């Protein structure tokens, strides 16, 4: 009989073969055959007495230590047995844990789900304790800055498509920040806490940030002043090139690596046609501890009050960065999987859209329905059901009121309230003439359309995309 080490290797190899067949969607018979071989090998292996295995179970304090000073915003709970658990703070840490548990080393995905923050809500700014995020991530070993550039391209594409106003994407690199702290004289033990202070520069003045660094976190005033000389700078690729020649930063290995990657990133962003939307901002810190390289954050800009003034930021709507070490924290063997991703604040964007529509006195459209099938007289439910069936079969998004004899005025009012653009009206005369009266809700214009041409006419009238701004 083969020794235990050999059997363990055979079990591992057979297990990998079974997983590969499942991924390749092989036939059920082939998979069953290989699973039977795996079970036979495991039976030969016998009980695994005394051997400790690292098993990832439902998270117990999984979130702790991943978010730095933001950890105070995590909802900690205890189950009935006293085990400390937490509600998920974001979708990134659970994603990294999923990669480690399933031994995935290459994946591109998006995910929309709820997250929770023990924070002070601000409803008008879209800031809640329970809210949705939409994440997009690329995991895998690739050449530098190509996935990072794609994430920024996707972020710009989403924000442009939403038409919620002008925006700017701030970009920095954790290695540049750490290198800056090092050359300015910040002790290693204070890197993360000082990083958290710098991250507040988009909300408060430099003097307030400096006061926190010195008064609350014990940093020497001259060290804080040196940090201020760097973190108050922002620009484009020319600033990257300028800092590559900086006599202090250019001597720091971490900062030099970060600046080199950022220069390459700007080359790719130029090819993607979005470099004008990107600003290299040395004050961007992103307080989360798991970031290891490029970091970015998108802010909306409002027009200046007077000509010549700088645009004012109205808040962050998306953010992300590179987190190459996070998966390895969950892997029993510490195997790393490089990752980069972005997160869109869904409620934050909804809040902005609603405010803009309210200011423009426009109603929010709450449905994708293209047409309401209505009747002008009583006892036409059968005809309405026939017509809506025809429209559904043709792929038209149609509705009708669930009443036998609804009043025409009620049907038209429903369309106005729900934002349905068209009404297909059936009447006794229309049935005799073989036509449908198609009414535009906005203009109240009505035209008679032959029944066989109705689908094409609805498609023609609803082909223009609706603007939400």
Protein backbone atom coordinates (compact mmCIF):
# COMPACT_ATOMS: atom_id res chain seq x y z
CA UNK A 1 0.00 0.00 0.00
CA UNK A 2 1.27 3.44 -0.87
CA UNK A 3 2.47 5.59 2.04
CA UNK A 4 0.22 8.34 3.43
CA UNK A 5 2.09 11.24 1.74
CA UNK A 6 1.72 9.59 -1.67
CA UNK A 7 -1.98 8.94 -1.10
CA UNK A 8 -2.51 12.55 -0.02
CA UNK A 9 -0.88 13.73 -3.26
CA UNK A 10 -3.09 11.38 -5.29
CA UNK A 11 -6.22 12.65 -3.48
CA UNK A 12 -5.20 16.25 -4.14
CA UNK A 13 -4.53 15.61 -7.85
CA UNK A 14 -7.79 13.66 -8.26
CA UNK A 15 -9.69 16.45 -6.51
CA UNK A 16 -8.20 18.99 -8.92
CA UNK A 17 -9.25 16.78 -11.84
CA UNK A 18 -12.84 16.64 -10.58
CA UNK A 19 -12.96 20.43 -10.15
CA UNK A 20 -11.51 20.95 -13.63
CA UNK A 21 -14.15 18.66 -15.20
CA UNK A 22 -16.92 20.57 -13.42
CA UNK A 23 -15.55 23.88 -14.67
CA UNK A 24 -15.36 22.45 -18.20
CA UNK A 25 -19.00 21.26 -17.85
CA UNK A 26 -18.01 17.68 -18.67
CA UNK A 27 -20.67 14.97 -18.90
CA UNK A 28 -22.32 13.79 -15.68
CA UNK A 29 -21.09 10.23 -16.30
CA UNK A 30 -17.47 11.34 -16.61
CA UNK A 31 -17.68 13.46 -13.45
CA UNK A 32 -19.32 10.63 -11.48
CA UNK A 33 -16.61 8.23 -12.59
CA UNK A 34 -13.83 10.57 -11.41
CA UNK A 35 -15.65 11.34 -8.13
CA UNK A 36 -15.87 7.58 -7.47
CA UNK A 37 -12.09 7.33 -7.93
CA UNK A 38 -11.63 10.24 -5.52
CA UNK A 39 -13.80 8.60 -2.87
CA UNK A 40 -11.92 5.33 -3.26
CA UNK A 41 -8.59 7.09 -2.71
CA UNK A 42 -9.98 8.90 0.36
CA UNK A 43 -11.15 5.56 1.76
CA UNK A 44 -7.62 4.18 1.38
CA UNK A 45 -6.31 7.28 3.15
CA UNK A 46 -8.40 6.47 6.22
CA UNK A 47 -9.11 8.79 9.16
CA UNK A 48 -6.85 11.82 9.52
CA UNK A 49 -6.17 11.45 13.21
CA UNK A 50 -4.38 14.16 15.09
CA UNK A 51 -3.67 16.29 12.03
CA UNK A 52 -4.75 19.94 12.34
CA UNK A 53 -6.33 21.51 9.27
CA UNK A 54 -7.07 25.20 8.61
CA UNK A 55 -10.77 25.38 7.69
CA UNK A 56 -12.50 28.62 6.72
CA UNK A 57 -15.94 28.62 8.31
CA UNK A 58 -18.58 31.31 8.70
CA UNK A 59 -16.50 34.37 9.64
CA UNK A 60 -15.67 34.97 13.32
CA UNK A 61 -14.13 38.31 13.57
CA UNK A 62 -13.14 38.05 9.90
CA UNK A 63 -13.52 41.81 9.40
CA UNK A 64 -11.28 42.86 12.29
CA UNK A 65 -7.97 44.38 11.30
CA UNK A 66 -8.85 45.00 7.66
CA UNK A 67 -10.21 48.55 7.86
CA UNK A 68 -7.82 50.49 10.10
CA UNK A 69 -9.49 53.30 12.01
CA UNK A 70 -12.72 52.68 10.08
CA UNK A 71 -13.11 49.46 12.10
CA UNK A 72 -15.07 51.50 14.65
CA UNK A 73 -17.86 51.72 12.04
CA UNK A 74 -18.29 47.92 11.88
CA UNK A 75 -21.49 46.52 13.41
CA UNK A 76 -20.33 43.94 15.97
CA UNK A 77 -22.91 41.38 17.10
CA UNK A 78 -22.97 38.34 19.37
CA UNK A 79 -24.90 35.18 18.64
CA UNK A 80 -26.69 33.16 21.31
CA UNK A 81 -23.51 31.27 22.13
CA UNK A 82 -21.57 34.46 22.73
CA UNK A 83 -19.54 34.21 19.51
CA UNK A 84 -18.58 37.64 18.18
CA UNK A 85 -19.76 38.25 14.63
CA UNK A 86 -20.02 41.29 12.37
CA UNK A 87 -22.22 42.62 9.58
CA UNK A 88 -20.21 43.08 6.41
CA UNK A 89 -18.66 46.54 6.08
CA UNK A 90 -18.04 46.27 2.34
CA UNK A 91 -18.02 43.70 -0.48
CA UNK A 92 -14.23 43.58 -0.89
CA UNK A 93 -13.25 41.57 2.19
CA UNK A 94 -15.97 38.93 1.57
CA UNK A 95 -14.77 38.70 -2.06
CA UNK A 96 -11.17 38.12 -0.95
CA UNK A 97 -12.34 35.46 1.49
CA UNK A 98 -14.34 33.78 -1.30
CA UNK A 99 -11.23 33.64 -3.52
CA UNK A 100 -9.19 32.06 -0.73
CA UNK A 101 -11.85 29.49 0.19
CA UNK A 102 -12.30 28.39 -3.41
CA UNK A 103 -8.61 28.64 -4.37
CA UNK A 104 -9.42 30.99 -7.26
CA UNK A 105 -6.50 32.86 -8.78
CA UNK A 106 -8.11 34.52 -11.78
CA UNK A 107 -11.59 36.08 -12.02
CA UNK A 108 -13.38 39.23 -13.18
CA UNK A 109 -16.73 39.92 -11.54
CA UNK A 110 -19.32 42.46 -10.42
CA UNK A 111 -21.51 42.25 -7.33
CA UNK A 112 -24.44 44.34 -6.04
CA UNK A 113 -25.41 43.82 -2.39
CA UNK A 114 -26.09 45.47 0.96
CA UNK A 115 -23.40 46.60 3.40
CA UNK A 116 -23.66 48.13 6.87
CA UNK A 117 -21.96 51.02 8.67
CA UNK A 118 -22.35 52.11 12.30
CA UNK A 119 -22.26 55.72 11.15
CA UNK A 120 -24.24 58.92 11.59
CA UNK A 121 -26.82 58.89 8.77
CA UNK A 122 -27.22 61.91 6.49
CA UNK A 123 -30.24 61.14 4.32
CA UNK A 124 -29.92 64.16 2.03
CA UNK A 125 -26.37 63.12 1.14
CA UNK A 126 -27.24 59.48 0.54
CA UNK A 127 -25.39 58.37 3.69
CA UNK A 128 -27.10 55.47 5.46
CA UNK A 129 -26.35 52.71 7.94
CA UNK A 130 -27.69 50.06 5.56
CA UNK A 131 -27.16 50.59 1.85
CA UNK A 132 -26.26 49.00 -1.48
CA UNK A 133 -22.88 48.98 -3.18
CA UNK A 134 -22.00 47.86 -6.68
CA UNK A 135 -18.47 46.42 -6.90
CA UNK A 136 -16.36 45.44 -9.89
CA UNK A 137 -13.09 43.55 -9.34
CA UNK A 138 -10.30 41.97 -11.38
CA UNK A 139 -8.24 39.29 -9.62
CA UNK A 140 -5.15 37.66 -11.11
CA UNK A 141 -1.48 38.08 -11.94
CA UNK A 142 -1.25 40.50 -14.87
CA UNK A 143 1.17 43.07 -16.25
CA UNK A 144 1.22 46.34 -14.25
CA UNK A 145 -1.58 48.89 -14.51
CA UNK A 146 -3.63 47.24 -17.31
CA UNK A 147 -6.45 46.01 -15.00
CA UNK A 148 -6.17 49.23 -12.96
CA UNK A 149 -6.68 51.33 -16.10
CA UNK A 150 -9.71 49.20 -17.05
CA UNK A 151 -11.28 49.79 -13.63
CA UNK A 152 -10.89 53.54 -14.05
CA UNK A 153 -12.31 53.35 -17.58
CA UNK A 154 -15.35 51.47 -16.24
CA UNK A 155 -15.81 54.00 -13.42
CA UNK A 156 -15.75 56.92 -15.89
CA UNK A 157 -18.07 55.08 -18.27
CA UNK A 158 -20.65 54.45 -15.52
CA UNK A 159 -20.60 58.01 -14.19
CA UNK A 160 -20.79 59.47 -17.70
CA UNK A 161 -23.71 57.20 -18.64
CA UNK A 162 -25.64 58.20 -15.53
CA UNK A 163 -25.44 61.86 -16.61
CA UNK A 164 -25.35 63.15 -13.03
CA UNK A 165 -22.97 66.02 -13.76
CA UNK A 166 -19.27 66.70 -14.11
CA UNK A 167 -16.95 64.51 -12.07
CA UNK A 168 -13.27 64.13 -11.29
CA UNK A 169 -11.41 60.94 -10.38
CA UNK A 170 -8.61 61.49 -7.88
CA UNK A 171 -5.75 58.98 -8.11
CA UNK A 172 -2.84 58.25 -5.78
CA UNK A 173 -0.77 55.25 -4.68
CA UNK A 174 -0.34 53.87 -1.17
CA UNK A 175 3.35 53.31 -1.88
CA UNK A 176 3.77 57.00 -2.69
CA UNK A 177 2.00 57.91 0.55
CA UNK A 178 4.11 55.54 2.63
CA UNK A 179 7.27 56.74 0.89
CA UNK A 180 6.26 60.34 1.59
CA UNK A 181 5.68 59.58 5.27
CA UNK A 182 9.05 57.83 5.46
CA UNK A 183 11.07 60.68 3.92
CA UNK A 184 9.19 63.21 6.07
CA UNK A 185 10.16 61.36 9.25
CA UNK A 186 6.92 59.64 10.30
CA UNK A 187 7.61 56.57 12.51
CA UNK A 188 6.57 53.29 10.87
CA UNK A 189 4.08 52.62 13.68
CA UNK A 190 2.18 55.82 12.84
CA UNK A 191 1.88 55.34 9.04
CA UNK A 192 -1.72 54.10 9.06
CA UNK A 193 -3.05 56.55 11.62
CA UNK A 194 -1.42 59.51 9.84
CA UNK A 195 -2.82 58.14 6.57
CA UNK A 196 -6.28 58.33 8.13
CA UNK A 197 -5.71 61.99 9.03
CA UNK A 198 -4.55 62.89 5.52
CA UNK A 199 -7.67 61.23 4.11
CA UNK A 200 -9.76 64.00 5.75
CA UNK A 201 -8.26 66.74 3.58
CA UNK A 202 -11.21 66.62 1.18
CA UNK A 203 -13.51 67.60 4.07
CA UNK A 204 -11.45 69.88 6.35
CA UNK A 205 -8.54 72.32 5.99
CA UNK A 206 -4.86 71.45 6.18
CA UNK A 207 -4.57 73.34 9.49
CA UNK A 208 -7.24 71.11 11.04
CA UNK A 209 -5.54 67.96 9.72
CA UNK A 210 -2.17 69.16 11.01
CA UNK A 211 -3.70 69.92 14.41
CA UNK A 212 -5.03 66.34 14.60
CA UNK A 213 -1.66 64.88 13.60
CA UNK A 214 0.25 66.89 16.19
CA UNK A 215 -2.29 67.28 19.00
CA UNK A 216 -4.05 63.91 18.94
CA UNK A 217 -1.54 61.58 17.28
CA UNK A 218 1.73 62.93 18.68
CA UNK A 219 3.49 63.82 15.43
CA UNK A 220 6.26 66.40 15.60
CA UNK A 221 5.14 69.77 14.08
CA UNK A 222 8.11 69.92 11.69
CA UNK A 223 7.26 66.42 10.38
CA UNK A 224 3.64 67.49 9.83
CA UNK A 225 4.84 70.58 7.93
CA UNK A 226 6.98 68.43 5.63
CA UNK A 227 3.96 66.17 4.94
CA UNK A 228 1.90 69.26 4.15
CA UNK A 229 4.36 70.33 1.45
CA UNK A 230 3.60 67.10 -0.42
CA UNK A 231 -0.05 66.25 0.26
CA UNK A 232 -1.38 69.64 -0.82
CA UNK A 233 -0.16 69.06 -4.39
CA UNK A 234 -2.34 67.77 -7.23
CA UNK A 235 -2.08 67.68 -11.02
CA UNK A 236 -1.55 65.32 -13.92
CA UNK A 237 1.27 63.24 -15.34
CA UNK A 238 3.58 66.30 -15.18
CA UNK A 239 3.34 66.17 -11.37
CA UNK A 240 4.28 62.48 -11.48
CA UNK A 241 7.36 63.32 -13.56
CA UNK A 242 8.21 66.20 -11.22
CA UNK A 243 8.10 63.93 -8.15
CA UNK A 244 10.21 61.30 -9.92
CA UNK A 245 12.94 63.97 -9.84
CA UNK A 246 12.27 64.96 -6.21
CA UNK A 247 15.58 64.60 -4.32
CA UNK A 248 13.91 62.91 -1.33
CA UNK A 249 11.11 60.82 -2.87
CA UNK A 250 13.35 59.54 -5.66
CA UNK A 251 15.56 57.92 -3.01
CA UNK A 252 12.67 55.96 -1.52
CA UNK A 253 12.10 52.57 -3.17
CA UNK A 254 8.38 52.39 -2.38
CA UNK A 255 7.63 55.89 -3.65
CA UNK A 256 9.70 55.31 -6.78
CA UNK A 257 7.76 52.12 -7.61
CA UNK A 258 4.44 53.88 -7.06
CA UNK A 259 5.38 56.87 -9.21
CA UNK A 260 6.63 54.59 -11.98
CA UNK A 261 3.35 52.67 -12.04
CA UNK A 262 1.35 55.90 -11.93
CA UNK A 263 3.22 57.24 -14.96
CA UNK A 264 2.41 54.01 -16.84
CA UNK A 265 -1.22 54.27 -15.69
CA UNK A 266 -1.55 57.77 -17.17
CA UNK A 267 -0.27 56.42 -20.51
CA UNK A 268 -3.06 53.83 -20.57
CA UNK A 269 -5.68 56.34 -19.41
CA UNK A 270 -4.68 58.61 -22.29
CA UNK A 271 -5.20 55.72 -24.71
CA UNK A 272 -8.61 55.08 -23.14
CA UNK A 273 -9.45 58.75 -23.67
CA UNK A 274 -10.17 59.55 -20.01
CA UNK A 275 -6.95 61.23 -18.82
CA UNK A 276 -8.77 64.58 -18.67
CA UNK A 277 -11.05 63.13 -15.99
CA UNK A 278 -8.15 62.01 -13.77
CA UNK A 279 -6.21 64.05 -11.21
CA UNK A 280 -3.10 62.84 -9.40
CA UNK A 281 -3.92 64.00 -5.85
CA UNK A 282 -1.35 63.42 -3.10
CA UNK A 283 -3.96 64.05 -0.39
CA UNK A 284 -6.00 61.00 -1.41
CA UNK A 285 -5.33 58.33 1.21
CA UNK A 286 -8.39 55.99 1.40
CA UNK A 287 -8.38 55.08 5.09
CA UNK A 288 -8.83 51.31 4.60
CA UNK A 289 -5.75 49.31 5.60
CA UNK A 290 -5.98 46.66 2.89
CA UNK A 291 -4.96 48.89 -0.05
CA UNK A 292 -1.43 48.22 -1.30
CA UNK A 293 -0.98 50.26 -4.50
CA UNK A 294 -3.05 52.52 -6.73
CA UNK A 295 -6.09 54.09 -5.03
CA UNK A 296 -8.81 56.24 -6.59
CA UNK A 297 -11.97 58.13 -5.72
CA UNK A 298 -14.57 59.85 -7.92
CA UNK A 299 -16.18 63.10 -6.77
CA UNK A 300 -18.96 65.08 -8.39
CA UNK A 301 -18.30 68.71 -9.19
CA UNK A 302 -20.82 71.50 -9.10
CA UNK A 303 -20.45 74.56 -11.37
CA UNK A 304 -18.67 77.57 -9.81
CA UNK A 305 -20.85 80.36 -8.46
CA UNK A 306 -18.97 82.91 -10.55
CA UNK A 307 -16.74 82.73 -13.60
CA UNK A 308 -13.14 81.92 -12.76
CA UNK A 309 -13.85 80.16 -9.46
CA UNK A 310 -12.75 76.60 -8.83
CA UNK A 311 -15.51 73.95 -9.00
CA UNK A 312 -16.67 72.80 -5.58
CA UNK A 313 -16.74 69.09 -4.73
CA UNK A 314 -20.14 67.73 -3.75
CA UNK A 315 -19.06 64.33 -2.48
CA UNK A 316 -17.58 60.95 -3.34
CA UNK A 317 -19.74 58.59 -5.42
CA UNK A 318 -17.24 55.84 -6.26
CA UNK A 319 -13.86 54.64 -5.05
CA UNK A 320 -11.46 51.72 -5.13
CA UNK A 321 -7.89 50.60 -5.52
CA UNK A 322 -5.41 47.74 -5.51
CA UNK A 323 -5.37 45.24 -2.63
CA UNK A 324 -2.74 42.60 -3.43
CA UNK A 325 -2.33 41.23 0.11
CA UNK A 326 -5.93 40.74 1.22
CA UNK A 327 -6.59 37.26 -0.25
CA UNK A 328 -3.40 35.93 1.36
CA UNK A 329 -4.75 36.90 4.81
CA UNK A 330 -7.47 34.27 4.37
CA UNK A 331 -5.44 31.56 2.63
CA UNK A 332 -4.08 28.91 5.02
CA UNK A 333 -0.79 28.91 3.12
CA UNK A 334 -0.69 32.70 2.67
CA UNK A 335 -0.93 32.47 -1.14
CA UNK A 336 -1.49 35.95 -2.58
CA UNK A 337 -3.79 36.85 -5.43
CA UNK A 338 -3.29 40.38 -6.82
CA UNK A 339 -6.62 42.27 -6.99
CA UNK A 340 -7.92 45.66 -8.04
CA UNK A 341 -11.49 46.88 -7.91
CA UNK A 342 -13.96 49.72 -7.59
CA UNK A 343 -17.15 50.35 -5.67
CA UNK A 344 -20.09 52.53 -6.72
CA UNK A 345 -22.29 54.06 -4.01
CA UNK A 346 -25.77 53.20 -5.29
CA UNK A 347 -27.79 55.17 -2.70
CA UNK A 348 -25.45 58.13 -3.00
CA UNK A 349 -26.12 58.32 -6.74
CA UNK A 350 -29.87 57.78 -6.29
CA UNK A 351 -29.91 60.65 -3.80
CA UNK A 352 -28.20 62.97 -6.29
CA UNK A 353 -30.51 61.96 -9.14
CA UNK A 354 -33.59 62.55 -6.99
CA UNK A 355 -32.34 65.98 -5.92
CA UNK A 356 -31.67 66.99 -9.53
CA UNK A 357 -35.09 65.80 -10.68
CA UNK A 358 -36.75 67.62 -7.80
CA UNK A 359 -34.90 70.83 -8.65
CA UNK A 360 -36.01 70.48 -12.28
CA UNK A 361 -39.56 69.63 -11.11
CA UNK A 362 -39.40 66.35 -13.02
CA UNK A 363 -41.03 63.14 -11.84
CA UNK A 364 -39.03 59.99 -11.21
CA UNK A 365 -39.97 57.26 -13.64
CA UNK A 366 -40.55 54.13 -11.57
CA UNK A 367 -41.14 51.58 -14.35
CA UNK A 368 -39.70 50.41 -17.65
CA UNK A 369 -43.18 49.85 -19.08
CA UNK A 370 -43.44 51.21 -22.62
CA UNK A 371 -47.21 51.17 -23.07
CA UNK A 372 -50.40 50.73 -21.07
CA UNK A 373 -53.16 48.78 -22.79
CA UNK A 374 -56.37 50.69 -21.99
CA UNK A 375 -60.04 50.61 -22.97
CA UNK A 376 -62.40 53.46 -23.72
CA UNK A 377 -65.64 51.62 -22.89
CA UNK A 378 -66.87 48.85 -20.62
CA UNK A 379 -66.79 45.11 -21.35
CA UNK A 380 -63.50 45.20 -23.27
CA UNK A 381 -61.34 43.22 -20.83
CA UNK A 382 -61.17 40.28 -23.27
CA UNK A 383 -59.85 42.56 -26.03
CA UNK A 384 -57.32 44.15 -23.68
CA UNK A 385 -56.02 40.72 -22.69
CA UNK A 386 -55.70 39.67 -26.34
CA UNK A 387 -53.79 42.82 -27.24
CA UNK A 388 -51.43 42.74 -24.26
CA UNK A 389 -50.64 39.10 -25.04
CA UNK A 390 -49.67 40.11 -28.60
CA UNK A 391 -47.44 42.89 -27.26
CA UNK A 392 -45.77 40.63 -24.67
CA UNK A 393 -45.09 38.00 -27.34
CA UNK A 394 -43.42 40.72 -29.43
CA UNK A 395 -41.16 41.73 -26.54
CA UNK A 396 -42.97 44.98 -25.74
CA UNK A 397 -43.04 45.96 -22.05
CA UNK A 398 -46.77 46.47 -21.52
CA UNK A 399 -49.18 46.73 -18.59
CA UNK A 400 -52.92 46.89 -17.97
CA UNK A 401 -54.97 47.75 -14.92
CA UNK A 402 -56.32 44.71 -13.10
CA UNK A 403 -59.94 45.82 -13.31
CA UNK A 404 -62.69 44.61 -15.60
CA UNK A 405 -64.04 48.03 -16.46
CA UNK A 406 -61.56 50.78 -15.49
CA UNK A 407 -62.41 54.37 -16.31
CA UNK A 408 -60.31 55.82 -19.13
CA UNK A 409 -59.36 58.85 -17.03
CA UNK A 410 -58.02 56.57 -14.24
CA UNK A 411 -55.93 54.67 -16.79
CA UNK A 412 -54.44 57.88 -18.19
CA UNK A 413 -53.71 59.22 -14.68
CA UNK A 414 -51.92 55.97 -13.83
CA UNK A 415 -49.63 56.46 -16.85
CA UNK A 416 -48.78 60.01 -15.77
CA UNK A 417 -47.99 58.95 -12.20
CA UNK A 418 -45.87 55.93 -13.21
CA UNK A 419 -44.14 57.63 -16.14
CA UNK A 420 -45.47 55.28 -18.82
CA UNK A 421 -44.97 57.14 -22.12
CA UNK A 422 -47.68 55.54 -24.32
CA UNK A 423 -51.26 54.32 -24.06
CA UNK A 424 -52.76 51.83 -26.54
CA UNK A 425 -56.52 52.51 -26.37
CA UNK A 426 -59.10 49.97 -27.53
CA UNK A 427 -62.64 51.17 -28.25
CA UNK A 428 -65.65 49.77 -30.05
CA UNK A 429 -65.03 51.96 -33.11
CA UNK A 430 -61.33 51.04 -33.18
CA UNK A 431 -62.24 47.34 -33.16
CA UNK A 432 -64.56 47.85 -36.13
CA UNK A 433 -61.88 49.80 -38.04
CA UNK A 434 -59.06 47.35 -37.20
CA UNK A 435 -56.94 50.06 -35.56
CA UNK A 436 -55.56 50.95 -32.11
CA UNK A 437 -55.49 54.52 -30.85
CA UNK A 438 -51.92 55.22 -29.68
CA UNK A 439 -51.69 58.17 -27.30
CA UNK A 440 -48.53 59.98 -26.19
CA UNK A 441 -48.94 60.71 -22.48
CA UNK A 442 -46.63 63.76 -22.49
CA UNK A 443 -48.04 65.55 -25.55
CA UNK A 444 -51.56 64.02 -25.43
CA UNK A 445 -51.30 63.52 -29.18
CA UNK A 446 -53.34 60.56 -30.51
CA UNK A 447 -52.93 58.64 -33.77
CA UNK A 448 -54.78 55.62 -35.18
CA UNK A 449 -52.38 52.75 -35.94
CA UNK A 450 -53.31 49.58 -37.78
CA UNK A 451 -53.14 46.66 -35.37
CA UNK A 452 -50.50 44.84 -37.42
CA UNK A 453 -48.29 47.96 -37.33
CA UNK A 454 -48.69 48.67 -33.60
CA UNK A 455 -45.56 46.85 -32.36
CA UNK A 456 -43.31 48.65 -34.84
CA UNK A 457 -44.87 52.03 -33.99
CA UNK A 458 -44.37 51.50 -30.24
CA UNK A 459 -40.74 50.55 -30.84
CA UNK A 460 -40.24 53.63 -33.00
CA UNK A 461 -41.74 55.99 -30.43
CA UNK A 462 -39.78 54.51 -27.49
CA UNK A 463 -36.43 54.05 -29.26
CA UNK A 464 -34.95 57.31 -27.89
CA UNK A 465 -33.22 56.72 -24.53
CA UNK A 466 -34.79 58.50 -21.57
CA UNK A 467 -32.54 61.00 -19.81
CA UNK A 468 -32.58 60.89 -15.99
CA UNK A 469 -31.11 64.32 -15.55
